[in-house]
Amino acid sequence: AFAVEVKLLGDDPDLKIGFSAEVEFLLDEVENALVVPLGAITRGEDGASVTVIEGGRPVRRTVDIGSSNGRVVVIRSGCEEGEIVLLARGGG
């Protein structure tokens, strides 16, 4: 957490000096990204991986991950859209 100063671009009579707000800042934008829940990622000596269902059985697959917002993570390679990805044990 850190303090920031925000300048409003318009007037809103409901906003008063001293009010607090919860704000999210867009730090990165990835178009057409494949994302999985952060809880689906496991990390080991060989890097990041997910467990997918292949032929009715769980299979561990190494993935190249990108940015994350703390809830989901971008999968750059190693997994495809439409695959069933399991949450890691204890993953939210």
PDB file of N, CA and C in Angstrom:
ATOM      1  N   ALA A   1       0.853  -1.180   0.000  1.00  0.00           N
ATOM      2  CA  ALA A   1       0.000   0.000   0.000  1.00  0.00           C
ATOM      3  C   ALA A   1       0.891   1.234   0.000  1.00  0.00           C
ATOM      4  N   PHE A   2       0.445   2.267  -0.687  1.00  0.00           N
ATOM      5  CA  PHE A   2       1.187   3.513  -0.725  1.00  0.00           C
ATOM      6  C   PHE A   2       0.229   4.652  -1.004  1.00  0.00           C
ATOM      7  N   ALA A   3       0.615   5.839  -0.604  1.00  0.00           N
ATOM      8  CA  ALA A   3      -0.224   7.020  -0.785  1.00  0.00           C
ATOM      9  C   ALA A   3      -0.069   7.565  -2.200  1.00  0.00           C
ATOM     10  N   VAL A   4      -1.171   7.990  -2.776  1.00  0.00           N
ATOM     11  CA  VAL A   4      -1.153   8.616  -4.089  1.00  0.00           C
ATOM     12  C   VAL A   4      -2.040   9.850  -4.066  1.00  0.00           C
ATOM     13  N   GLU A   5      -1.789  10.738  -4.979  1.00  0.00           N
ATOM     14  CA  GLU A   5      -2.647  11.906  -5.147  1.00  0.00           C
ATOM     15  C   GLU A   5      -3.397  11.743  -6.451  1.00  0.00           C
ATOM     16  N   VAL A   6      -4.720  11.891  -6.395  1.00  0.00           N
ATOM     17  CA  VAL A   6      -5.569  11.693  -7.561  1.00  0.00           C
ATOM     18  C   VAL A   6      -6.224  13.014  -7.921  1.00  0.00           C
ATOM     19  N   LYS A   7      -6.180  13.363  -9.193  1.00  0.00           N
ATOM     20  CA  LYS A   7      -6.846  14.560  -9.685  1.00  0.00           C
ATOM     21  C   LYS A   7      -8.079  14.118 -10.461  1.00  0.00           C
ATOM     22  N   LEU A   8      -9.242  14.594 -10.052  1.00  0.00           N
ATOM     23  CA  LEU A   8     -10.476  14.245 -10.733  1.00  0.00           C
ATOM     24  C   LEU A   8     -10.644  15.094 -11.979  1.00  0.00           C
ATOM     25  N   LEU A   9     -11.104  14.470 -13.043  1.00  0.00           N
ATOM     26  CA  LEU A   9     -11.279  15.182 -14.304  1.00  0.00           C
ATOM     27  C   LEU A   9     -12.620  15.901 -14.384  1.00  0.00           C
ATOM     28  N   GLY A  10     -13.539  15.558 -13.514  1.00  0.00           N
ATOM     29  CA  GLY A  10     -14.857  16.192 -13.519  1.00  0.00           C
ATOM     30  C   GLY A  10     -15.318  16.449 -12.093  1.00  0.00           C
ATOM     31  N   ASP A  11     -16.388  17.212 -11.956  1.00  0.00           N
ATOM     32  CA  ASP A  11     -16.943  17.509 -10.639  1.00  0.00           C
ATOM     33  C   ASP A  11     -18.009  16.481 -10.284  1.00  0.00           C
ATOM     34  N   ASP A  12     -18.046  16.101  -9.027  1.00  0.00           N
ATOM     35  CA  ASP A  12     -19.087  15.222  -8.521  1.00  0.00           C
ATOM     36  C   ASP A  12     -19.495  15.760  -7.158  1.00  0.00           C
ATOM     37  N   PRO A  13     -20.732  16.258  -7.022  1.00  0.00           N
ATOM     38  CA  PRO A  13     -21.157  16.858  -5.758  1.00  0.00           C
ATOM     39  C   PRO A  13     -21.178  15.873  -4.597  1.00  0.00           C
ATOM     40  N   ASP A  14     -21.153  14.571  -4.882  1.00  0.00           N
ATOM     41  CA  ASP A  14     -21.151  13.579  -3.802  1.00  0.00           C
ATOM     42  C   ASP A  14     -19.764  13.378  -3.194  1.00  0.00           C
ATOM     43  N   LEU A  15     -18.713  13.841  -3.887  1.00  0.00           N
ATOM     44  CA  LEU A  15     -17.358  13.702  -3.361  1.00  0.00           C
ATOM     45  C   LEU A  15     -16.999  14.902  -2.499  1.00  0.00           C
ATOM     46  N   LYS A  16     -16.466  14.619  -1.341  1.00  0.00           N
ATOM     47  CA  LYS A  16     -16.088  15.675  -0.393  1.00  0.00           C
ATOM     48  C   LYS A  16     -14.621  15.518  -0.014  1.00  0.00           C
ATOM     49  N   ILE A  17     -13.994  16.625   0.361  1.00  0.00           N
ATOM     50  CA  ILE A  17     -12.605  16.603   0.819  1.00  0.00           C
ATOM     51  C   ILE A  17     -12.509  15.695   2.032  1.00  0.00           C
ATOM     52  N   GLY A  18     -11.499  14.835   2.025  1.00  0.00           N
ATOM     53  CA  GLY A  18     -11.281  13.920   3.137  1.00  0.00           C
ATOM     54  C   GLY A  18     -11.899  12.547   2.939  1.00  0.00           C
ATOM     55  N   PHE A  19     -12.726  12.379   1.911  1.00  0.00           N
ATOM     56  CA  PHE A  19     -13.289  11.065   1.625  1.00  0.00           C
ATOM     57  C   PHE A  19     -12.160  10.121   1.227  1.00  0.00           C
ATOM     58  N   SER A  20     -12.351   8.841   1.484  1.00  0.00           N
ATOM     59  CA  SER A  20     -11.371   7.859   1.038  1.00  0.00           C
ATOM     60  C   SER A  20     -11.987   7.059  -0.106  1.00  0.00           C
ATOM     61  N   ALA A  21     -11.127   6.415  -0.866  1.00  0.00           N
ATOM     62  CA  ALA A  21     -11.601   5.639  -2.014  1.00  0.00           C
ATOM     63  C   ALA A  21     -10.692   4.437  -2.209  1.00  0.00           C
ATOM     64  N   GLU A  22     -11.254   3.395  -2.799  1.00  0.00           N
ATOM     65  CA  GLU A  22     -10.462   2.251  -3.193  1.00  0.00           C
ATOM     66  C   GLU A  22     -10.244   2.369  -4.696  1.00  0.00           C
ATOM     67  N   VAL A  23      -8.990   2.351  -5.121  1.00  0.00           N
ATOM     68  CA  VAL A  23      -8.656   2.618  -6.514  1.00  0.00           C
ATOM     69  C   VAL A  23      -7.778   1.492  -7.051  1.00  0.00           C
ATOM     70  N   GLU A  24      -8.021   1.082  -8.286  1.00  0.00           N
ATOM     71  CA  GLU A  24      -7.145   0.132  -8.968  1.00  0.00           C
ATOM     72  C   GLU A  24      -6.482   0.845 -10.132  1.00  0.00           C
ATOM     73  N   PHE A  25      -5.189   0.620 -10.300  1.00  0.00           N
ATOM     74  CA  PHE A  25      -4.434   1.234 -11.385  1.00  0.00           C
ATOM     75  C   PHE A  25      -4.117   0.180 -12.434  1.00  0.00           C
ATOM     76  N   LEU A  26      -4.387   0.488 -13.676  1.00  0.00           N
ATOM     77  CA  LEU A  26      -4.065  -0.397 -14.782  1.00  0.00           C
ATOM     78  C   LEU A  26      -2.579  -0.238 -15.091  1.00  0.00           C
ATOM     79  N   LEU A  27      -1.816  -1.286 -14.825  1.00  0.00           N
ATOM     80  CA  LEU A  27      -0.376  -1.237 -15.050  1.00  0.00           C
ATOM     81  C   LEU A  27       0.030  -1.950 -16.331  1.00  0.00           C
ATOM     82  N   ASP A  28      -0.839  -2.855 -16.783  1.00  0.00           N
ATOM     83  CA  ASP A  28      -0.523  -3.620 -17.981  1.00  0.00           C
ATOM     84  C   ASP A  28      -1.836  -4.061 -18.607  1.00  0.00           C
ATOM     85  N   GLU A  29      -1.878  -4.114 -19.914  1.00  0.00           N
ATOM     86  CA  GLU A  29      -3.066  -4.578 -20.606  1.00  0.00           C
ATOM     87  C   GLU A  29      -2.629  -5.573 -21.668  1.00  0.00           C
ATOM     88  N   VAL A  30      -3.228  -6.761 -21.631  1.00  0.00           N
ATOM     89  CA  VAL A  30      -2.883  -7.813 -22.576  1.00  0.00           C
ATOM     90  C   VAL A  30      -4.161  -8.180 -23.321  1.00  0.00           C
ATOM     91  N   GLU A  31      -4.180  -7.937 -24.628  1.00  0.00           N
ATOM     92  CA  GLU A  31      -5.358  -8.244 -25.423  1.00  0.00           C
ATOM     93  C   GLU A  31      -5.381  -9.725 -25.794  1.00  0.00           C
ATOM     94  N   ASN A  32      -6.581 -10.289 -25.836  1.00  0.00           N
ATOM     95  CA  ASN A  32      -6.787 -11.688 -26.220  1.00  0.00           C
ATOM     96  C   ASN A  32      -5.910 -12.640 -25.427  1.00  0.00           C
ATOM     97  N   ALA A  33      -5.793 -12.393 -24.138  1.00  0.00           N
ATOM     98  CA  ALA A  33      -4.934 -13.208 -23.292  1.00  0.00           C
ATOM     99  C   ALA A  33      -5.661 -14.453 -22.803  1.00  0.00           C
ATOM    100  N   LEU A  34      -4.938 -15.534 -22.719  1.00  0.00           N
ATOM    101  CA  LEU A  34      -5.423 -16.743 -22.074  1.00  0.00           C
ATOM    102  C   LEU A  34      -5.017 -16.630 -20.613  1.00  0.00           C
ATOM    103  N   VAL A  35      -5.984 -16.673 -19.707  1.00  0.00           N
ATOM    104  CA  VAL A  35      -5.684 -16.542 -18.286  1.00  0.00           C
ATOM    105  C   VAL A  35      -6.255 -17.726 -17.520  1.00  0.00           C
ATOM    106  N   VAL A  36      -5.602 -18.055 -16.418  1.00  0.00           N
ATOM    107  CA  VAL A  36      -6.091 -19.069 -15.489  1.00  0.00           C
ATOM    108  C   VAL A  36      -6.036 -18.473 -14.090  1.00  0.00           C
ATOM    109  N   PRO A  37      -6.817 -19.015 -13.151  1.00  0.00           N
ATOM    110  CA  PRO A  37      -6.713 -18.532 -11.769  1.00  0.00           C
ATOM    111  C   PRO A  37      -5.299 -18.719 -11.239  1.00  0.00           C
ATOM    112  N   LEU A  38      -4.848 -17.773 -10.469  1.00  0.00           N
ATOM    113  CA  LEU A  38      -3.501 -17.852  -9.895  1.00  0.00           C
ATOM    114  C   LEU A  38      -3.336 -19.142  -9.096  1.00  0.00           C
ATOM    115  N   GLY A  39      -4.415 -19.609  -8.483  1.00  0.00           N
ATOM    116  CA  GLY A  39      -4.380 -20.836  -7.695  1.00  0.00           C
ATOM    117  C   GLY A  39      -4.176 -22.094  -8.516  1.00  0.00           C
ATOM    118  N   ALA A  40      -4.205 -21.994  -9.843  1.00  0.00           N
ATOM    119  CA  ALA A  40      -3.970 -23.155 -10.702  1.00  0.00           C
ATOM    120  C   ALA A  40      -2.482 -23.346 -10.999  1.00  0.00           C
ATOM    121  N   ILE A  41      -1.682 -22.350 -10.687  1.00  0.00           N
ATOM    122  CA  ILE A  41      -0.242 -22.384 -10.990  1.00  0.00           C
ATOM    123  C   ILE A  41       0.525 -23.021  -9.840  1.00  0.00           C
ATOM    124  N   THR A  42       1.388 -23.960 -10.164  1.00  0.00           N
ATOM    125  CA  THR A  42       2.349 -24.473  -9.188  1.00  0.00           C
ATOM    126  C   THR A  42       3.741 -24.127  -9.698  1.00  0.00           C
ATOM    127  N   ARG A  43       4.639 -23.911  -8.774  1.00  0.00           N
ATOM    128  CA  ARG A  43       6.012 -23.557  -9.154  1.00  0.00           C
ATOM    129  C   ARG A  43       6.972 -24.591  -8.583  1.00  0.00           C
ATOM    130  N   GLY A  44       7.882 -24.997  -9.427  1.00  0.00           N
ATOM    131  CA  GLY A  44       8.880 -25.979  -9.009  1.00  0.00           C
ATOM    132  C   GLY A  44      10.220 -25.646  -9.613  1.00  0.00           C
ATOM    133  N   GLU A  45      11.146 -26.578  -9.479  1.00  0.00           N
ATOM    134  CA  GLU A  45      12.487 -26.371 -10.016  1.00  0.00           C
ATOM    135  C   GLU A  45      12.470 -26.178 -11.532  1.00  0.00           C
ATOM    136  N   ASP A  46      11.491 -26.805 -12.191  1.00  0.00           N
ATOM    137  CA  ASP A  46      11.421 -26.703 -13.649  1.00  0.00           C
ATOM    138  C   ASP A  46      10.536 -25.543 -14.101  1.00  0.00           C
ATOM    139  N   GLY A  47      10.131 -24.675 -13.202  1.00  0.00           N
ATOM    140  CA  GLY A  47       9.335 -23.502 -13.545  1.00  0.00           C
ATOM    141  C   GLY A  47       7.874 -23.659 -13.170  1.00  0.00           C
ATOM    142  N   ALA A  48       7.024 -22.892 -13.829  1.00  0.00           N
ATOM    143  CA  ALA A  48       5.596 -22.897 -13.537  1.00  0.00           C
ATOM    144  C   ALA A  48       4.899 -24.012 -14.297  1.00  0.00           C
ATOM    145  N   SER A  49       3.845 -24.554 -13.681  1.00  0.00           N
ATOM    146  CA  SER A  49       3.074 -25.586 -14.351  1.00  0.00           C
ATOM    147  C   SER A  49       1.614 -25.507 -13.925  1.00  0.00           C
ATOM    148  N   VAL A  50       0.778 -26.156 -14.722  1.00  0.00           N
ATOM    149  CA  VAL A  50      -0.640 -26.314 -14.395  1.00  0.00           C
ATOM    150  C   VAL A  50      -0.970 -27.788 -14.574  1.00  0.00           C
ATOM    151  N   THR A  51      -2.087 -28.200 -14.017  1.00  0.00           N
ATOM    152  CA  THR A  51      -2.579 -29.551 -14.230  1.00  0.00           C
ATOM    153  C   THR A  51      -3.832 -29.449 -15.085  1.00  0.00           C
ATOM    154  N   VAL A  52      -3.813 -30.123 -16.229  1.00  0.00           N
ATOM    155  CA  VAL A  52      -4.951 -30.128 -17.147  1.00  0.00           C
ATOM    156  C   VAL A  52      -5.519 -31.548 -17.219  1.00  0.00           C
ATOM    157  N   ILE A  53      -6.762 -31.641 -17.680  1.00  0.00           N
ATOM    158  CA  ILE A  53      -7.372 -32.951 -17.892  1.00  0.00           C
ATOM    159  C   ILE A  53      -7.142 -33.340 -19.350  1.00  0.00           C
ATOM    160  N   GLU A  54      -6.463 -34.476 -19.537  1.00  0.00           N
ATOM    161  CA  GLU A  54      -6.161 -34.998 -20.865  1.00  0.00           C
ATOM    162  C   GLU A  54      -6.616 -36.451 -20.908  1.00  0.00           C
ATOM    163  N   GLY A  55      -7.576 -36.768 -21.777  1.00  0.00           N
ATOM    164  CA  GLY A  55      -8.068 -38.140 -21.859  1.00  0.00           C
ATOM    165  C   GLY A  55      -8.698 -38.610 -20.561  1.00  0.00           C
ATOM    166  N   GLY A  56      -9.296 -37.682 -19.825  1.00  0.00           N
ATOM    167  CA  GLY A  56      -9.946 -38.032 -18.562  1.00  0.00           C
ATOM    168  C   GLY A  56      -9.015 -38.147 -17.379  1.00  0.00           C
ATOM    169  N   ARG A  57      -7.732 -37.864 -17.575  1.00  0.00           N
ATOM    170  CA  ARG A  57      -6.755 -37.978 -16.481  1.00  0.00           C
ATOM    171  C   ARG A  57      -6.021 -36.658 -16.275  1.00  0.00           C
ATOM    172  N   PRO A  58      -5.640 -36.370 -15.027  1.00  0.00           N
ATOM    173  CA  PRO A  58      -4.863 -35.150 -14.771  1.00  0.00           C
ATOM    174  C   PRO A  58      -3.429 -35.300 -15.273  1.00  0.00           C
ATOM    175  N   VAL A  59      -2.961 -34.287 -15.995  1.00  0.00           N
ATOM    176  CA  VAL A  59      -1.600 -34.279 -16.538  1.00  0.00           C
ATOM    177  C   VAL A  59      -0.966 -32.936 -16.191  1.00  0.00           C
ATOM    178  N   ARG A  60       0.234 -33.001 -15.629  1.00  0.00           N
ATOM    179  CA  ARG A  60       0.968 -31.772 -15.301  1.00  0.00           C
ATOM    180  C   ARG A  60       1.631 -31.251 -16.561  1.00  0.00           C
ATOM    181  N   ARG A  61       1.513 -29.946 -16.763  1.00  0.00           N
ATOM    182  CA  ARG A  61       2.057 -29.346 -17.975  1.00  0.00           C
ATOM    183  C   ARG A  61       2.831 -28.085 -17.607  1.00  0.00           C
ATOM    184  N   THR A  62       4.075 -27.972 -18.087  1.00  0.00           N
ATOM    185  CA  THR A  62       4.880 -26.768 -17.880  1.00  0.00           C
ATOM    186  C   THR A  62       4.313 -25.649 -18.742  1.00  0.00           C
ATOM    187  N   VAL A  63       4.195 -24.451 -18.163  1.00  0.00           N
ATOM    188  CA  VAL A  63       3.655 -23.302 -18.884  1.00  0.00           C
ATOM    189  C   VAL A  63       4.583 -22.104 -18.732  1.00  0.00           C
ATOM    190  N   ASP A  64       4.519 -21.237 -19.713  1.00  0.00           N
ATOM    191  CA  ASP A  64       5.223 -19.954 -19.652  1.00  0.00           C
ATOM    192  C   ASP A  64       4.184 -18.929 -19.222  1.00  0.00           C
ATOM    193  N   ILE A  65       4.402 -18.311 -18.068  1.00  0.00           N
ATOM    194  CA  ILE A  65       3.417 -17.374 -17.549  1.00  0.00           C
ATOM    195  C   ILE A  65       3.860 -15.934 -17.760  1.00  0.00           C
ATOM    196  N   GLY A  66       2.868 -15.065 -17.837  1.00  0.00           N
ATOM    197  CA  GLY A  66       3.118 -13.636 -18.008  1.00  0.00           C
ATOM    198  C   GLY A  66       2.647 -12.871 -16.790  1.00  0.00           C
ATOM    199  N   SER A  67       2.048 -11.720 -17.026  1.00  0.00           N
ATOM    200  CA  SER A  67       1.645 -10.850 -15.944  1.00  0.00           C
ATOM    201  C   SER A  67       0.447 -11.409 -15.180  1.00  0.00           C
ATOM    202  N   SER A  68       0.281 -10.895 -13.966  1.00  0.00           N
ATOM    203  CA  SER A  68      -0.801 -11.326 -13.089  1.00  0.00           C
ATOM    204  C   SER A  68      -1.353 -10.124 -12.351  1.00  0.00           C
ATOM    205  N   ASN A  69      -2.630 -10.185 -12.020  1.00  0.00           N
ATOM    206  CA  ASN A  69      -3.227  -9.127 -11.203  1.00  0.00           C
ATOM    207  C   ASN A  69      -3.481  -9.601  -9.779  1.00  0.00           C
ATOM    208  N   GLY A  70      -2.921 -10.749  -9.415  1.00  0.00           N
ATOM    209  CA  GLY A  70      -3.109 -11.299  -8.083  1.00  0.00           C
ATOM    210  C   GLY A  70      -4.290 -12.256  -8.005  1.00  0.00           C
ATOM    211  N   ARG A  71      -5.105 -12.293  -9.050  1.00  0.00           N
ATOM    212  CA  ARG A  71      -6.247 -13.215  -9.103  1.00  0.00           C
ATOM    213  C   ARG A  71      -6.111 -14.201 -10.263  1.00  0.00           C
ATOM    214  N   VAL A  72      -5.684 -13.691 -11.409  1.00  0.00           N
ATOM    215  CA  VAL A  72      -5.468 -14.533 -12.589  1.00  0.00           C
ATOM    216  C   VAL A  72      -4.075 -14.245 -13.131  1.00  0.00           C
ATOM    217  N   VAL A  73      -3.561 -15.199 -13.914  1.00  0.00           N
ATOM    218  CA  VAL A  73      -2.236 -15.049 -14.512  1.00  0.00           C
ATOM    219  C   VAL A  73      -2.335 -15.380 -16.001  1.00  0.00           C
ATOM    220  N   VAL A  74      -1.605 -14.639 -16.815  1.00  0.00           N
ATOM    221  CA  VAL A  74      -1.582 -14.856 -18.264  1.00  0.00           C
ATOM    222  C   VAL A  74      -0.719 -16.072 -18.573  1.00  0.00           C
ATOM    223  N   ILE A  75      -1.259 -16.949 -19.433  1.00  0.00           N
ATOM    224  CA  ILE A  75      -0.508 -18.102 -19.913  1.00  0.00           C
ATOM    225  C   ILE A  75      -0.026 -17.779 -21.318  1.00  0.00           C
ATOM    226  N   ARG A  76       1.282 -17.655 -21.500  1.00  0.00           N
ATOM    227  CA  ARG A  76       1.856 -17.336 -22.810  1.00  0.00           C
ATOM    228  C   ARG A  76       1.927 -18.573 -23.703  1.00  0.00           C
ATOM    229  N   SER A  77       2.274 -19.712 -23.103  1.00  0.00           N
ATOM    230  CA  SER A  77       2.348 -20.954 -23.871  1.00  0.00           C
ATOM    231  C   SER A  77       2.264 -22.139 -22.922  1.00  0.00           C
ATOM    232  N   GLY A  78       1.914 -23.297 -23.492  1.00  0.00           N
ATOM    233  CA  GLY A  78       1.851 -24.523 -22.709  1.00  0.00           C
ATOM    234  C   GLY A  78       0.436 -24.977 -22.409  1.00  0.00           C
ATOM    235  N   CYS A  79      -0.539 -24.139 -22.699  1.00  0.00           N
ATOM    236  CA  CYS A  79      -1.937 -24.447 -22.434  1.00  0.00           C
ATOM    237  C   CYS A  79      -2.764 -23.747 -23.507  1.00  0.00           C
ATOM    238  N   GLU A  80      -3.917 -24.322 -23.832  1.00  0.00           N
ATOM    239  CA  GLU A  80      -4.743 -23.734 -24.876  1.00  0.00           C
ATOM    240  C   GLU A  80      -6.146 -23.450 -24.372  1.00  0.00           C
ATOM    241  N   GLU A  81      -6.804 -22.515 -25.027  1.00  0.00           N
ATOM    242  CA  GLU A  81      -8.174 -22.163 -24.700  1.00  0.00           C
ATOM    243  C   GLU A  81      -9.063 -23.401 -24.776  1.00  0.00           C
ATOM    244  N   GLY A  82      -9.949 -23.536 -23.804  1.00  0.00           N
ATOM    245  CA  GLY A  82     -10.892 -24.646 -23.784  1.00  0.00           C
ATOM    246  C   GLY A  82     -10.437 -25.838 -22.971  1.00  0.00           C
ATOM    247  N   GLU A  83      -9.154 -25.898 -22.608  1.00  0.00           N
ATOM    248  CA  GLU A  83      -8.684 -27.005 -21.780  1.00  0.00           C
ATOM    249  C   GLU A  83      -9.184 -26.833 -20.350  1.00  0.00           C
ATOM    250  N   ILE A  84      -9.405 -27.939 -19.682  1.00  0.00           N
ATOM    251  CA  ILE A  84      -9.822 -27.906 -18.274  1.00  0.00           C
ATOM    252  C   ILE A  84      -8.565 -27.861 -17.422  1.00  0.00           C
ATOM    253  N   VAL A  85      -8.463 -26.805 -16.619  1.00  0.00           N
ATOM    254  CA  VAL A  85      -7.295 -26.614 -15.750  1.00  0.00           C
ATOM    255  C   VAL A  85      -7.767 -26.747 -14.309  1.00  0.00           C
ATOM    256  N   LEU A  86      -7.067 -27.576 -13.538  1.00  0.00           N
ATOM    257  CA  LEU A  86      -7.428 -27.803 -12.146  1.00  0.00           C
ATOM    258  C   LEU A  86      -6.739 -26.794 -11.240  1.00  0.00           C
ATOM    259  N   LEU A  87      -7.397 -26.433 -10.147  1.00  0.00           N
ATOM    260  CA  LEU A  87      -6.749 -25.617  -9.138  1.00  0.00           C
ATOM    261  C   LEU A  87      -5.741 -26.472  -8.403  1.00  0.00           C
ATOM    262  N   ALA A  88      -4.609 -25.891  -8.071  1.00  0.00           N
ATOM    263  CA  ALA A  88      -3.583 -26.600  -7.306  1.00  0.00           C
ATOM    264  C   ALA A  88      -4.119 -26.881  -5.910  1.00  0.00           C
ATOM    265  N   ARG A  89      -3.626 -27.914  -5.277  1.00  0.00           N
ATOM    266  CA  ARG A  89      -4.068 -28.244  -3.930  1.00  0.00           C
ATOM    267  C   ARG A  89      -3.849 -27.039  -3.019  1.00  0.00           C
ATOM    268  N   GLY A  90      -4.905 -26.590  -2.373  1.00  0.00           N
ATOM    269  CA  GLY A  90      -4.823 -25.409  -1.518  1.00  0.00           C
ATOM    270  C   GLY A  90      -4.963 -24.110  -2.277  1.00  0.00           C
ATOM    271  N   GLY A  91      -5.041 -24.143  -3.612  1.00  0.00           N
ATOM    272  CA  GLY A  91      -5.198 -22.933  -4.420  1.00  0.00           C
ATOM    273  C   GLY A  91      -6.609 -22.426  -4.348  1.00  0.00           C
ATOM    274  N   GLY A  92      -6.752 -21.078  -4.220  1.00  0.00           N
ATOM    275  CA  GLY A  92      -8.049 -20.457  -4.056  1.00  0.00           C
ATOM    276  C   GLY A  92      -8.950 -20.714  -5.167  1.00  0.00           C
TER     277      GLY A  92
END
